[in-house]
Amino acid sequence: MTDITGWIEHRRGDRELLGWMNPESDGFVVIDLLGRRVSGVIDWLAAEETLEAMGIGYLAEPFEMLLPDGHWLRVRIVEVSPRAIRVKKDDWGDMTAPQVDYTLPFPMPDRLRPFSAR
């Protein structure tokens, strides 16, 4: 589990968490909700602006997860927290499809990546 003790939360006006600013050197590194570093060392204002511009829409995009058999499975993010990332097999909104969930560690591991149509 990643220690986020020193990370500074940044929330938008409605109090929704957008990510964190991790103090480093003479500035801050922006960390998204999946625990990814999305900037180099930048100043406070630039860090806030980066998080505001990113928003949280990327969480609704499709991702893919590498299965133990070496195949990639298209998934959707269900929940994120500094404790874990939960994804489910993408069922394209089919309410009758069986739910297939996976729990991954935080920060986002290499076996989870944004979906790229090949």
C-alpha atoms as a PDB file:
ATOM      1  CA  MET A   1       0.000   0.000   0.000  1.00  0.00           C
ATOM      2  CA  THR A   2       1.316   3.411  -0.953  1.00  0.00           C
ATOM      3  CA  ASP A   3       1.826   5.895   1.865  1.00  0.00           C
ATOM      4  CA  ILE A   4      -0.057   9.056   0.898  1.00  0.00           C
ATOM      5  CA  THR A   5       0.446  10.765   4.254  1.00  0.00           C
ATOM      6  CA  GLY A   6       2.344  13.730   2.793  1.00  0.00           C
ATOM      7  CA  TRP A   7       0.100  14.130  -0.245  1.00  0.00           C
ATOM      8  CA  ILE A   8      -2.146  17.191  -0.294  1.00  0.00           C
ATOM      9  CA  GLU A   9      -5.709  16.588  -1.492  1.00  0.00           C
ATOM     10  CA  HIS A  10      -7.146  18.866  -4.128  1.00  0.00           C
ATOM     11  CA  ARG A  11     -10.926  19.044  -4.461  1.00  0.00           C
ATOM     12  CA  ARG A  12     -13.077  20.916  -6.911  1.00  0.00           C
ATOM     13  CA  GLY A  13     -15.844  23.319  -5.841  1.00  0.00           C
ATOM     14  CA  ASP A  14     -18.365  20.547  -5.115  1.00  0.00           C
ATOM     15  CA  ARG A  15     -15.782  18.840  -2.847  1.00  0.00           C
ATOM     16  CA  GLU A  16     -15.138  15.981  -5.290  1.00  0.00           C
ATOM     17  CA  LEU A  17     -11.549  14.761  -4.913  1.00  0.00           C
ATOM     18  CA  LEU A  18      -9.547  15.362  -8.107  1.00  0.00           C
ATOM     19  CA  GLY A  19      -6.191  14.043  -6.948  1.00  0.00           C
ATOM     20  CA  TRP A  20      -3.198  15.031  -4.896  1.00  0.00           C
ATOM     21  CA  MET A  21      -0.181  17.270  -4.920  1.00  0.00           C
ATOM     22  CA  ASN A  22       2.898  15.519  -3.568  1.00  0.00           C
ATOM     23  CA  PRO A  23       5.534  17.931  -2.218  1.00  0.00           C
ATOM     24  CA  GLU A  24       8.831  17.231  -3.924  1.00  0.00           C
ATOM     25  CA  SER A  25      12.003  19.302  -4.218  1.00  0.00           C
ATOM     26  CA  ASP A  26      10.907  22.954  -4.434  1.00  0.00           C
ATOM     27  CA  GLY A  27       7.427  22.222  -5.789  1.00  0.00           C
ATOM     28  CA  PHE A  28       4.741  19.604  -6.223  1.00  0.00           C
ATOM     29  CA  VAL A  29       4.121  16.546  -8.361  1.00  0.00           C
ATOM     30  CA  VAL A  30       0.520  15.989  -9.456  1.00  0.00           C
ATOM     31  CA  ILE A  31      -0.894  12.542  -8.659  1.00  0.00           C
ATOM     32  CA  ASP A  32      -4.183  11.447 -10.238  1.00  0.00           C
ATOM     33  CA  LEU A  33      -6.860   9.314  -8.573  1.00  0.00           C
ATOM     34  CA  LEU A  34      -5.220   6.149  -9.886  1.00  0.00           C
ATOM     35  CA  GLY A  35      -1.959   7.064  -8.161  1.00  0.00           C
ATOM     36  CA  ARG A  36      -0.139   7.985 -11.369  1.00  0.00           C
ATOM     37  CA  ARG A  37       2.371  10.835 -11.492  1.00  0.00           C
ATOM     38  CA  VAL A  38       0.999  13.151 -14.162  1.00  0.00           C
ATOM     39  CA  SER A  39       3.499  15.984 -13.932  1.00  0.00           C
ATOM     40  CA  GLY A  40       7.051  16.726 -13.103  1.00  0.00           C
ATOM     41  CA  VAL A  41       7.857  19.112 -10.267  1.00  0.00           C
ATOM     42  CA  ILE A  42       5.756  22.248 -10.749  1.00  0.00           C
ATOM     43  CA  ASP A  43       4.555  25.120  -8.571  1.00  0.00           C
ATOM     44  CA  TRP A  44       1.376  25.066  -6.450  1.00  0.00           C
ATOM     45  CA  LEU A  45      -0.795  27.022  -8.893  1.00  0.00           C
ATOM     46  CA  ALA A  46       0.258  24.906 -11.884  1.00  0.00           C
ATOM     47  CA  ALA A  47      -0.455  21.744  -9.865  1.00  0.00           C
ATOM     48  CA  GLU A  48      -3.955  22.962  -9.011  1.00  0.00           C
ATOM     49  CA  GLU A  49      -4.591  23.960 -12.623  1.00  0.00           C
ATOM     50  CA  THR A  50      -3.395  20.557 -13.845  1.00  0.00           C
ATOM     51  CA  LEU A  51      -5.808  18.721 -11.554  1.00  0.00           C
ATOM     52  CA  GLU A  52      -8.689  21.032 -12.467  1.00  0.00           C
ATOM     53  CA  ALA A  53      -8.032  20.541 -16.194  1.00  0.00           C
ATOM     54  CA  MET A  54      -7.825  16.740 -15.829  1.00  0.00           C
ATOM     55  CA  GLY A  55     -11.044  16.426 -13.861  1.00  0.00           C
ATOM     56  CA  ILE A  56     -12.277  12.885 -13.246  1.00  0.00           C
ATOM     57  CA  GLY A  57     -13.702  12.001 -16.661  1.00  0.00           C
ATOM     58  CA  TYR A  58     -10.789   9.655 -17.407  1.00  0.00           C
ATOM     59  CA  LEU A  59     -12.224   7.259 -14.806  1.00  0.00           C
ATOM     60  CA  ALA A  60     -15.261   6.669 -17.054  1.00  0.00           C
ATOM     61  CA  GLU A  61     -13.122   5.692 -20.049  1.00  0.00           C
ATOM     62  CA  PRO A  62     -12.509   2.021 -20.870  1.00  0.00           C
ATOM     63  CA  PHE A  63      -9.358   0.377 -19.566  1.00  0.00           C
ATOM     64  CA  GLU A  64      -7.839  -3.009 -20.164  1.00  0.00           C
ATOM     65  CA  MET A  65      -6.338  -5.434 -17.692  1.00  0.00           C
ATOM     66  CA  LEU A  66      -3.755  -8.116 -18.381  1.00  0.00           C
ATOM     67  CA  LEU A  67      -5.046 -11.506 -17.266  1.00  0.00           C
ATOM     68  CA  PRO A  68      -2.770 -14.274 -15.942  1.00  0.00           C
ATOM     69  CA  ASP A  69      -3.152 -16.147 -19.263  1.00  0.00           C
ATOM     70  CA  GLY A  70      -1.605 -13.206 -21.135  1.00  0.00           C
ATOM     71  CA  HIS A  71      -4.820 -11.874 -22.704  1.00  0.00           C
ATOM     72  CA  TRP A  72      -6.082  -8.329 -22.239  1.00  0.00           C
ATOM     73  CA  LEU A  73      -9.633  -7.895 -20.886  1.00  0.00           C
ATOM     74  CA  ARG A  74     -11.593  -4.693 -21.472  1.00  0.00           C
ATOM     75  CA  VAL A  75     -12.700  -3.346 -18.077  1.00  0.00           C
ATOM     76  CA  ARG A  76     -14.375  -0.333 -16.491  1.00  0.00           C
ATOM     77  CA  ILE A  77     -13.304   1.293 -13.248  1.00  0.00           C
ATOM     78  CA  VAL A  78     -15.854   0.788 -10.489  1.00  0.00           C
ATOM     79  CA  GLU A  79     -14.089   2.356  -7.501  1.00  0.00           C
ATOM     80  CA  VAL A  80     -10.777   4.010  -6.683  1.00  0.00           C
ATOM     81  CA  SER A  81      -9.184   4.757  -3.333  1.00  0.00           C
ATOM     82  CA  PRO A  82      -5.662   4.791  -1.900  1.00  0.00           C
ATOM     83  CA  ARG A  83      -6.424   1.272  -0.641  1.00  0.00           C
ATOM     84  CA  ALA A  84      -7.376  -0.374  -3.959  1.00  0.00           C
ATOM     85  CA  ILE A  85      -8.701   0.017  -7.481  1.00  0.00           C
ATOM     86  CA  ARG A  86     -11.769  -2.045  -8.359  1.00  0.00           C
ATOM     87  CA  VAL A  87     -12.610  -2.817 -11.972  1.00  0.00           C
ATOM     88  CA  LYS A  88     -15.256  -4.920 -13.664  1.00  0.00           C
ATOM     89  CA  LYS A  89     -15.366  -6.693 -16.989  1.00  0.00           C
ATOM     90  CA  ASP A  90     -16.876  -4.278 -19.489  1.00  0.00           C
ATOM     91  CA  ASP A  91     -20.424  -5.488 -20.123  1.00  0.00           C
ATOM     92  CA  TRP A  92     -21.444  -2.507 -22.304  1.00  0.00           C
ATOM     93  CA  GLY A  93     -24.325  -1.760 -19.933  1.00  0.00           C
ATOM     94  CA  ASP A  94     -25.989  -5.177 -20.247  1.00  0.00           C
ATOM     95  CA  MET A  95     -27.983  -5.485 -17.019  1.00  0.00           C
ATOM     96  CA  THR A  96     -28.291  -9.271 -17.492  1.00  0.00           C
ATOM     97  CA  ALA A  97     -24.545  -9.898 -17.867  1.00  0.00           C
ATOM     98  CA  PRO A  98     -22.807 -11.594 -14.947  1.00  0.00           C
ATOM     99  CA  GLN A  99     -20.653  -9.213 -12.919  1.00  0.00           C
ATOM    100  CA  VAL A 100     -16.955 -10.051 -13.044  1.00  0.00           C
ATOM    101  CA  ASP A 101     -14.952  -7.850 -10.655  1.00  0.00           C
ATOM    102  CA  TYR A 102     -11.245  -7.566  -9.925  1.00  0.00           C
ATOM    103  CA  THR A 103      -9.420  -5.729  -7.145  1.00  0.00           C
ATOM    104  CA  LEU A 104      -6.048  -4.249  -8.013  1.00  0.00           C
ATOM    105  CA  PRO A 105      -3.484  -2.469  -5.863  1.00  0.00           C
ATOM    106  CA  PHE A 106      -3.077   1.300  -5.672  1.00  0.00           C
ATOM    107  CA  PRO A 107      -1.276   2.943  -7.387  1.00  0.00           C
ATOM    108  CA  MET A 108      -2.444   1.584 -10.723  1.00  0.00           C
ATOM    109  CA  PRO A 109      -0.274  -1.416 -11.643  1.00  0.00           C
ATOM    110  CA  ASP A 110       1.271  -1.937 -15.084  1.00  0.00           C
ATOM    111  CA  ARG A 111      -1.245  -4.682 -15.846  1.00  0.00           C
ATOM    112  CA  LEU A 112      -4.001  -2.044 -16.018  1.00  0.00           C
ATOM    113  CA  ARG A 113      -3.854   0.531 -18.781  1.00  0.00           C
ATOM    114  CA  PRO A 114      -6.161   2.818 -20.744  1.00  0.00           C
ATOM    115  CA  PHE A 115      -7.909   0.884 -23.506  1.00  0.00           C
ATOM    116  CA  SER A 116      -6.471   1.341 -26.958  1.00  0.00           C
ATOM    117  CA  ALA A 117      -8.410   0.015 -29.913  1.00  0.00           C
ATOM    118  CA  ARG A 118      -5.892  -1.773 -32.055  1.00  0.00           C
END
